[in-house]
Amino acid sequence: MPRALSVNPKQPNLYLEYDTFGSPTNPAILLVMGLATQMTAWRPDFCEILAKAGYFVVRFDNRDIGLSSHLDDFGPPPLVTRVIQHKIYGLFGCPKIKSAYTLEDMAEDAFG
């Protein structure tokens, strides 16, 4: 599978593993897998069905997942901490948690 280097200008050493199906001249569908799941959860037969329907299908591993860059220096994402805080403080009272990257960063990754 190919690897895209420097997909995010804020982090030039970041790379994302990706795979494509169909012709790049067709309209694109970007398959984004959810929390802590590799792109391989998008089964190849499903991707092929979309490609045969006339789409250029792209699936990828988000950062910190699969064969994409792992930001190990920052430790694991504070998901458990965030869930506990949400239960204690409620939706709007959670203190901010410092993290290695934001959802906006991940959106830029996908765009790249």
Protein backbone atom coordinates (compact mmCIF):
# COMPACT_ATOMS: atom_id res chain seq x y z
CA MET A 1 0.00 0.00 0.00
CA PRO A 2 1.22 3.53 -0.71
CA ARG A 3 2.29 6.00 1.93
CA ALA A 4 1.69 9.74 1.67
CA LEU A 5 4.46 11.84 3.22
CA SER A 6 3.97 15.38 4.48
CA VAL A 7 0.21 15.46 4.10
CA ASN A 8 -0.06 18.11 6.82
CA PRO A 9 2.13 21.22 6.46
CA LYS A 10 2.15 21.74 10.26
CA GLN A 11 3.85 18.35 10.69
CA PRO A 12 6.13 17.75 7.68
CA ASN A 13 7.35 14.33 8.88
CA LEU A 14 3.84 12.94 9.26
CA TYR A 15 2.87 10.16 6.86
CA LEU A 16 -0.41 8.37 6.27
CA GLU A 17 -0.81 4.89 4.85
CA TYR A 18 -3.52 4.72 2.20
CA ASP A 19 -5.01 2.53 -0.48
CA THR A 20 -7.05 3.37 -3.59
CA PHE A 21 -9.56 1.58 -5.79
CA GLY A 22 -10.83 2.65 -9.21
CA SER A 23 -9.75 5.40 -11.55
CA PRO A 24 -8.48 8.72 -10.16
CA THR A 25 -10.43 10.46 -12.94
CA ASN A 26 -13.71 9.39 -11.29
CA PRO A 27 -15.42 11.32 -8.47
CA ALA A 28 -13.67 10.53 -5.18
CA ILE A 29 -15.03 8.93 -2.04
CA LEU A 30 -12.81 9.23 1.04
CA LEU A 31 -13.47 6.47 3.56
CA VAL A 32 -12.53 7.62 7.06
CA MET A 33 -12.53 4.90 9.70
CA GLY A 34 -13.46 5.72 13.29
CA LEU A 35 -11.67 5.67 16.59
CA ALA A 36 -8.70 3.30 16.87
CA THR A 37 -9.56 1.27 13.76
CA GLN A 38 -7.36 0.66 10.74
CA MET A 39 -8.41 1.34 7.17
CA THR A 40 -8.57 -2.43 6.60
CA ALA A 41 -11.93 -2.38 8.40
CA TRP A 42 -13.19 -0.96 5.09
CA ARG A 43 -13.28 -4.34 3.37
CA PRO A 44 -11.73 -4.52 -0.12
CA ASP A 45 -14.91 -6.05 -1.59
CA PHE A 46 -16.90 -3.01 -0.39
CA CYS A 47 -14.29 -0.66 -1.88
CA GLU A 48 -14.41 -2.58 -5.17
CA ILE A 49 -18.20 -2.27 -5.31
CA LEU A 50 -17.89 1.51 -4.96
CA ALA A 51 -15.12 1.61 -7.58
CA LYS A 52 -17.22 -0.46 -10.03
CA ALA A 53 -20.05 2.02 -9.46
CA GLY A 54 -17.77 4.71 -10.93
CA TYR A 55 -15.98 6.17 -7.93
CA PHE A 56 -12.33 6.62 -7.02
CA VAL A 57 -12.18 5.19 -3.51
CA VAL A 58 -9.50 6.21 -1.01
CA ARG A 59 -9.16 4.59 2.42
CA PHE A 60 -6.41 5.51 4.88
CA ASP A 61 -5.05 4.96 8.36
CA ASN A 62 -5.43 8.01 10.60
CA ARG A 63 -2.34 9.14 12.52
CA ASP A 64 -1.52 6.86 15.45
CA ILE A 65 -3.27 3.94 13.73
CA GLY A 66 -2.01 1.07 11.58
CA LEU A 67 0.93 1.89 9.34
CA SER A 68 0.58 5.68 9.56
CA SER A 69 2.79 7.86 11.77
CA HIS A 70 2.60 7.12 15.47
CA LEU A 71 3.26 10.07 17.73
CA ASP A 72 4.63 7.95 20.57
CA ASP A 73 6.47 10.85 22.22
CA PHE A 74 3.13 12.29 23.31
CA GLY A 75 1.81 9.11 24.95
CA PRO A 76 -1.64 7.65 24.41
CA PRO A 77 -4.57 9.94 23.63
CA PRO A 78 -6.39 11.03 26.81
CA LEU A 79 -9.65 9.30 25.81
CA VAL A 80 -10.26 7.62 29.16
CA THR A 81 -9.51 10.87 30.98
CA ARG A 82 -11.95 12.73 28.73
CA VAL A 83 -14.73 10.15 29.32
CA ILE A 84 -14.26 10.33 33.09
CA GLN A 85 -14.25 14.13 33.06
CA HIS A 86 -17.38 14.15 30.93
CA LYS A 87 -19.14 11.96 33.48
CA ILE A 88 -17.99 14.12 36.40
CA TYR A 89 -18.34 17.62 34.92
CA GLY A 90 -20.98 17.10 32.24
CA LEU A 91 -20.82 18.15 28.61
CA PHE A 92 -19.89 21.83 29.08
CA GLY A 93 -17.89 21.82 32.29
CA CYS A 94 -14.92 19.67 31.20
CA PRO A 95 -11.52 21.29 31.64
CA LYS A 96 -9.41 21.46 28.51
CA ILE A 97 -6.98 18.61 27.92
CA LYS A 98 -3.71 19.24 26.13
CA SER A 99 -3.18 16.79 23.28
CA ALA A 100 -0.62 16.21 20.55
CA TYR A 101 -3.10 17.15 17.81
CA THR A 102 -6.65 18.29 17.25
CA LEU A 103 -9.62 17.13 15.23
CA GLU A 104 -8.81 20.02 12.88
CA ASP A 105 -5.33 18.53 12.35
CA MET A 106 -6.91 15.19 11.47
CA ALA A 107 -9.27 16.91 9.00
CA GLU A 108 -6.22 18.51 7.35
CA ASP A 109 -4.63 15.06 7.18
CA ALA A 110 -7.67 13.73 5.33
CA PHE A 111 -7.67 16.70 2.96
CA GLY A 112 -3.96 16.13 2.25
